[in-house]
Every structure is written in C-alpha cells, then in structure tokens.
C-alpha cells in the first residue's frame, strides 16, 4: 500500500494516542476535556477516511453512475457525530465550571480528596 493512502489512518492513530494520553494521565479537568475532544475528532476523521472514494462524486449529483458516487451514509454519520461531540463537550465544560464553583479547583485529585 502507498503511504499516502494510509496517511489518514496514521493520523487517526496518532490523534487517538494523544487523546487517550490526555484523558488517562492528565489531572486538569480542562485537559481531560480536550483529550476527549481530540478522540472525537479522531473518530470523525476515521469515518471520513472510510467513506473516501478516489474520483468519487457527491451523492446529490444524480446523473452519475452508481459506482462513482461516495456513500452518503458515512457523511451523515459524521455530521451526527459532530453534533453529538459538540453537545458532549458543552456538557463537560459546564460540569467543569460547576466543579470549579463548588470546589475552587479543576484538579481531579483535589476534587476526589474533597469528596468526603
């Protein structure tokens, strides 16, 4: 296989590694939220990479042959994933703001210690 055809999948693997590193090893809640967002972006890139067809035509063009059209399912799934990712990110940040207001800290160790 050519390296250029595998480049999106290599980028997905690197983004997943960076995202999991942020989620597992960081203590700052904002950095953990950023790690989750990077993982979501990696999944979106993976979905778009799966739906890529060299020389493919957008599925809204109806005069093209069926073999040259790109699958619209992957594009719709990616758009849905982006909207869900936005909602999850907003919820995480809202929870982080509430945690900061209650505990005066966004360090996950401090929040665990103050649990009682």
Protein backbone atom coordinates (compact mmCIF):
# COMPACT_ATOMS: atom_id res chain seq x y z
CA UNK A 1 0.00 0.00 0.00
CA UNK A 2 1.03 3.54 -0.68
CA UNK A 3 1.87 5.75 2.30
CA UNK A 4 -0.46 8.48 1.08
CA UNK A 5 -3.44 6.12 1.14
CA UNK A 6 -2.65 5.17 4.76
CA UNK A 7 -1.86 8.71 5.94
CA UNK A 8 -5.36 9.46 7.29
CA UNK A 9 -5.32 6.23 9.30
CA UNK A 10 -1.88 7.06 10.71
CA UNK A 11 -3.23 10.49 11.69
CA UNK A 12 -6.22 8.79 13.36
CA UNK A 13 -3.90 6.52 15.36
CA UNK A 14 -1.74 9.47 16.48
CA UNK A 15 -4.79 11.52 17.46
CA UNK A 16 -6.18 8.58 19.45
CA UNK A 17 -2.86 8.18 21.27
CA UNK A 18 -2.71 11.89 22.11
CA UNK A 19 -6.35 11.92 23.23
CA UNK A 20 -6.02 8.83 25.42
CA UNK A 21 -2.83 10.23 26.92
CA UNK A 22 -4.69 13.40 27.88
CA UNK A 23 -7.63 11.51 29.35
CA UNK A 24 -5.60 8.97 31.32
CA UNK A 25 -2.53 10.86 32.55
CA UNK A 26 -3.63 14.48 32.97
CA UNK A 27 -5.16 15.74 36.22
CA UNK A 28 -6.54 19.07 34.98
CA UNK A 29 -10.21 18.66 34.05
CA UNK A 30 -9.90 21.07 31.11
CA UNK A 31 -7.05 18.99 29.67
CA UNK A 32 -9.14 15.85 30.11
CA UNK A 33 -11.98 17.52 28.20
CA UNK A 34 -9.53 18.48 25.45
CA UNK A 35 -8.37 14.85 25.30
CA UNK A 36 -11.96 13.65 24.87
CA UNK A 37 -12.47 16.22 22.10
CA UNK A 38 -9.32 15.01 20.31
CA UNK A 39 -10.65 11.43 20.49
CA UNK A 40 -13.95 12.60 19.00
CA UNK A 41 -12.09 14.32 16.17
CA UNK A 42 -10.09 11.16 15.52
CA UNK A 43 -13.31 9.17 15.18
CA UNK A 44 -14.70 11.74 12.75
CA UNK A 45 -11.51 11.61 10.66
CA UNK A 46 -11.72 7.82 10.66
CA UNK A 47 -15.31 7.89 9.42
CA UNK A 48 -14.48 10.37 6.67
CA UNK A 49 -11.44 8.30 5.65
CA UNK A 50 -13.58 5.17 5.37
CA UNK A 51 -16.04 6.94 3.09
CA UNK A 52 -13.37 8.30 0.72
CA UNK A 53 -13.54 7.09 -2.86
CA UNK A 54 -10.91 8.23 -5.35
CA UNK A 55 -12.64 10.14 -8.12
CA UNK A 56 -15.93 9.89 -6.24
CA UNK A 57 -18.81 12.24 -6.87
CA UNK A 58 -21.11 13.77 -4.27
CA UNK A 59 -24.30 11.71 -3.88
CA UNK A 60 -26.52 14.69 -4.69
CA UNK A 61 -25.43 14.63 -8.35
CA UNK A 62 -27.98 12.27 -9.88
CA UNK A 63 -26.61 11.85 -13.42
CA UNK A 64 -23.51 9.97 -12.26
CA UNK A 65 -23.14 6.20 -12.31
CA UNK A 66 -23.72 4.36 -9.05
CA UNK A 67 -20.11 3.10 -8.87
CA UNK A 68 -18.60 6.60 -8.80
CA UNK A 69 -20.77 8.00 -6.00
CA UNK A 70 -19.49 8.37 -2.49
CA UNK A 71 -21.62 6.66 0.16
CA UNK A 72 -23.83 9.31 1.83
CA UNK A 73 -24.24 7.20 4.98
CA UNK A 74 -20.72 7.92 6.18
CA UNK A 75 -21.17 11.65 5.64
CA UNK A 76 -24.46 11.69 7.54
CA UNK A 77 -22.93 9.65 10.37
CA UNK A 78 -20.01 12.07 10.61
CA UNK A 79 -22.33 15.08 10.78
CA UNK A 80 -24.31 13.36 13.52
CA UNK A 81 -21.09 12.59 15.36
CA UNK A 82 -20.00 16.23 15.16
CA UNK A 83 -23.29 17.41 16.68
CA UNK A 84 -23.14 14.82 19.46
CA UNK A 85 -19.49 15.73 20.11
CA UNK A 86 -20.42 19.39 20.44
CA UNK A 87 -23.13 18.56 22.97
CA UNK A 88 -20.80 16.30 24.97
CA UNK A 89 -18.08 18.97 25.00
CA UNK A 90 -20.55 21.63 26.16
CA UNK A 91 -21.78 19.33 28.92
CA UNK A 92 -18.24 18.54 30.07
CA UNK A 93 -17.30 22.21 30.20
CA UNK A 94 -20.50 23.09 32.08
CA UNK A 95 -19.73 20.38 34.63
CA UNK A 96 -16.16 21.64 34.97
CA UNK A 97 -17.45 25.16 35.65
CA UNK A 98 -19.81 23.82 38.34
CA UNK A 99 -16.99 21.76 39.89
CA UNK A 100 -14.78 24.85 39.97
CA UNK A 101 -17.54 26.90 41.59
CA UNK A 102 -18.09 24.25 44.24
CA UNK A 103 -14.51 23.10 44.98
CA UNK A 104 -12.41 26.10 43.78
CA UNK A 105 -10.21 23.66 41.86
CA UNK A 106 -10.19 21.90 38.50
CA UNK A 107 -7.62 19.33 39.57
CA UNK A 108 -9.19 15.87 39.60
CA UNK A 109 -7.11 14.80 42.63
CA UNK A 110 -8.35 17.75 44.68
CA UNK A 111 -11.94 17.00 43.77
CA UNK A 112 -11.53 13.35 44.77
CA UNK A 113 -9.93 14.28 48.10
CA UNK A 114 -12.71 16.70 48.96
CA UNK A 115 -15.37 14.08 48.29
CA UNK A 116 -15.52 13.22 51.95
